[in-house]
């Protein structure tokens, strides 16, 4: 039998896994888009994510700098819109950057 603390910790672990999967999907998609558009440094991008995730521009920038540091800088601007959408989806609908 689990106490409330155990269940809560279990839920937090699941949230971290889902957040990690979201960050992985976003970084992989950005890499693919940059490759296709020959972008070597992302200046800004706009993204829509589910309201289920607690995500801010600062958190996302930090995570992306760890995953795709070759494309992201401290000056990269991220604009996040949170909507009631499928929890496994993030939509990148605008990306601007320096091209090769």
C-alpha atoms as a PDB file:
ATOM      1  CA  UNK A   1       0.000   0.000   0.000  1.00  0.00           C
ATOM      2  CA  UNK A   2       1.335   3.406  -0.946  1.00  0.00           C
ATOM      3  CA  UNK A   3       1.084   6.500   1.162  1.00  0.00           C
ATOM      4  CA  UNK A   4       0.123   9.798  -0.412  1.00  0.00           C
ATOM      5  CA  UNK A   5       3.768  10.841  -0.619  1.00  0.00           C
ATOM      6  CA  UNK A   6       4.711   7.744  -2.601  1.00  0.00           C
ATOM      7  CA  UNK A   7       1.921   8.218  -5.106  1.00  0.00           C
ATOM      8  CA  UNK A   8       2.762  11.871  -5.500  1.00  0.00           C
ATOM      9  CA  UNK A   9       6.441  11.085  -6.112  1.00  0.00           C
ATOM     10  CA  UNK A  10       5.405   8.446  -8.639  1.00  0.00           C
ATOM     11  CA  UNK A  11       3.270  11.022 -10.476  1.00  0.00           C
ATOM     12  CA  UNK A  12       6.154  13.494 -10.464  1.00  0.00           C
ATOM     13  CA  UNK A  13       8.433  10.870 -12.006  1.00  0.00           C
ATOM     14  CA  UNK A  14       5.861  10.263 -14.762  1.00  0.00           C
ATOM     15  CA  UNK A  15       5.624  14.029 -15.381  1.00  0.00           C
ATOM     16  CA  UNK A  16       9.432  14.218 -15.720  1.00  0.00           C
ATOM     17  CA  UNK A  17       9.407  11.363 -18.227  1.00  0.00           C
ATOM     18  CA  UNK A  18       6.680  13.071 -20.263  1.00  0.00           C
ATOM     19  CA  UNK A  19       8.524  16.412 -20.117  1.00  0.00           C
ATOM     20  CA  UNK A  20      11.752  14.722 -21.250  1.00  0.00           C
ATOM     21  CA  UNK A  21       9.907  13.099 -24.155  1.00  0.00           C
ATOM     22  CA  UNK A  22       8.405  16.470 -25.116  1.00  0.00           C
ATOM     23  CA  UNK A  23      11.819  18.190 -24.988  1.00  0.00           C
ATOM     24  CA  UNK A  24      13.319  15.372 -27.070  1.00  0.00           C
ATOM     25  CA  UNK A  25      10.553  15.680 -29.686  1.00  0.00           C
ATOM     26  CA  UNK A  26      10.923  19.455 -29.866  1.00  0.00           C
ATOM     27  CA  UNK A  27      14.714  19.319 -30.204  1.00  0.00           C
ATOM     28  CA  UNK A  28      14.574  16.584 -32.858  1.00  0.00           C
ATOM     29  CA  UNK A  29      11.957  18.493 -34.841  1.00  0.00           C
ATOM     30  CA  UNK A  30      13.970  21.709 -34.639  1.00  0.00           C
ATOM     31  CA  UNK A  31      17.079  19.870 -35.868  1.00  0.00           C
ATOM     32  CA  UNK A  32      15.138  18.466 -38.830  1.00  0.00           C
ATOM     33  CA  UNK A  33      13.599  21.844 -39.700  1.00  0.00           C
ATOM     34  CA  UNK A  34      16.974  23.580 -39.480  1.00  0.00           C
ATOM     35  CA  UNK A  35      18.599  20.957 -41.670  1.00  0.00           C
ATOM     36  CA  UNK A  36      15.825  21.287 -44.252  1.00  0.00           C
ATOM     37  CA  UNK A  37      15.913  25.111 -44.220  1.00  0.00           C
ATOM     38  CA  UNK A  38      19.731  25.270 -43.864  1.00  0.00           C
ATOM     39  CA  UNK A  39      19.489  27.235 -40.611  1.00  0.00           C
ATOM     40  CA  UNK A  40      22.699  27.178 -38.579  1.00  0.00           C
ATOM     41  CA  UNK A  41      21.567  29.354 -35.653  1.00  0.00           C
ATOM     42  CA  UNK A  42      17.962  29.751 -34.465  1.00  0.00           C
ATOM     43  CA  UNK A  43      17.073  33.382 -33.757  1.00  0.00           C
ATOM     44  CA  UNK A  44      13.493  32.677 -32.700  1.00  0.00           C
ATOM     45  CA  UNK A  45      10.669  30.202 -32.967  1.00  0.00           C
ATOM     46  CA  UNK A  46       7.036  29.943 -31.998  1.00  0.00           C
ATOM     47  CA  UNK A  47       5.563  26.781 -30.555  1.00  0.00           C
ATOM     48  CA  UNK A  48       2.205  25.524 -29.326  1.00  0.00           C
ATOM     49  CA  UNK A  49       2.137  22.957 -26.512  1.00  0.00           C
ATOM     50  CA  UNK A  50      -0.545  21.385 -24.374  1.00  0.00           C
ATOM     51  CA  UNK A  51      -1.635  23.168 -21.217  1.00  0.00           C
ATOM     52  CA  UNK A  52      -0.853  19.876 -19.468  1.00  0.00           C
ATOM     53  CA  UNK A  53       2.863  20.724 -19.474  1.00  0.00           C
ATOM     54  CA  UNK A  54       4.386  23.294 -17.170  1.00  0.00           C
ATOM     55  CA  UNK A  55       6.764  24.861 -19.619  1.00  0.00           C
ATOM     56  CA  UNK A  56       8.187  28.357 -19.866  1.00  0.00           C
ATOM     57  CA  UNK A  57      10.457  30.000 -22.399  1.00  0.00           C
ATOM     58  CA  UNK A  58      13.319  29.874 -19.882  1.00  0.00           C
ATOM     59  CA  UNK A  59      12.869  26.166 -19.125  1.00  0.00           C
ATOM     60  CA  UNK A  60      12.617  25.257 -22.805  1.00  0.00           C
ATOM     61  CA  UNK A  61      15.652  27.366 -23.724  1.00  0.00           C
ATOM     62  CA  UNK A  62      17.725  25.681 -20.994  1.00  0.00           C
ATOM     63  CA  UNK A  63      16.653  22.200 -22.119  1.00  0.00           C
ATOM     64  CA  UNK A  64      17.296  22.937 -25.807  1.00  0.00           C
ATOM     65  CA  UNK A  65      20.745  24.381 -25.076  1.00  0.00           C
ATOM     66  CA  UNK A  66      21.627  21.011 -23.518  1.00  0.00           C
ATOM     67  CA  UNK A  67      20.241  19.028 -26.471  1.00  0.00           C
ATOM     68  CA  UNK A  68      20.998  21.146 -29.556  1.00  0.00           C
ATOM     69  CA  UNK A  69      23.559  23.700 -28.402  1.00  0.00           C
ATOM     70  CA  UNK A  70      24.864  24.041 -31.960  1.00  0.00           C
ATOM     71  CA  UNK A  71      21.548  25.679 -32.978  1.00  0.00           C
ATOM     72  CA  UNK A  72      20.502  27.502 -29.793  1.00  0.00           C
ATOM     73  CA  UNK A  73      22.128  30.504 -28.122  1.00  0.00           C
ATOM     74  CA  UNK A  74      21.340  32.704 -25.130  1.00  0.00           C
ATOM     75  CA  UNK A  75      19.835  35.169 -27.614  1.00  0.00           C
ATOM     76  CA  UNK A  76      17.330  32.680 -29.064  1.00  0.00           C
ATOM     77  CA  UNK A  77      13.781  33.942 -28.511  1.00  0.00           C
ATOM     78  CA  UNK A  78      11.063  31.391 -27.839  1.00  0.00           C
ATOM     79  CA  UNK A  79       7.361  32.186 -27.887  1.00  0.00           C
ATOM     80  CA  UNK A  80       5.132  29.548 -26.302  1.00  0.00           C
ATOM     81  CA  UNK A  81       1.374  29.342 -26.661  1.00  0.00           C
ATOM     82  CA  UNK A  82      -0.409  26.795 -24.493  1.00  0.00           C
ATOM     83  CA  UNK A  83      -3.710  25.343 -25.708  1.00  0.00           C
ATOM     84  CA  UNK A  84      -6.003  22.423 -25.005  1.00  0.00           C
ATOM     85  CA  UNK A  85      -4.422  20.004 -27.500  1.00  0.00           C
ATOM     86  CA  UNK A  86      -3.334  16.364 -27.581  1.00  0.00           C
ATOM     87  CA  UNK A  87      -0.755  15.956 -24.825  1.00  0.00           C
ATOM     88  CA  UNK A  88       1.845  14.307 -27.039  1.00  0.00           C
ATOM     89  CA  UNK A  89       1.898  17.126 -29.589  1.00  0.00           C
ATOM     90  CA  UNK A  90       3.989  20.263 -29.918  1.00  0.00           C
ATOM     91  CA  UNK A  91       3.527  22.424 -32.991  1.00  0.00           C
ATOM     92  CA  UNK A  92       6.388  24.586 -34.207  1.00  0.00           C
ATOM     93  CA  UNK A  93       4.813  27.052 -36.579  1.00  0.00           C
ATOM     94  CA  UNK A  94       7.464  29.699 -37.123  1.00  0.00           C
ATOM     95  CA  UNK A  95      11.230  29.473 -37.097  1.00  0.00           C
ATOM     96  CA  UNK A  96      13.700  32.209 -37.988  1.00  0.00           C
ATOM     97  CA  UNK A  97      17.456  32.008 -37.987  1.00  0.00           C
ATOM     98  CA  UNK A  98      20.803  32.499 -39.638  1.00  0.00           C
ATOM     99  CA  UNK A  99      21.198  30.414 -42.777  1.00  0.00           C
ATOM    100  CA  UNK A 100      24.395  28.854 -44.061  1.00  0.00           C
END
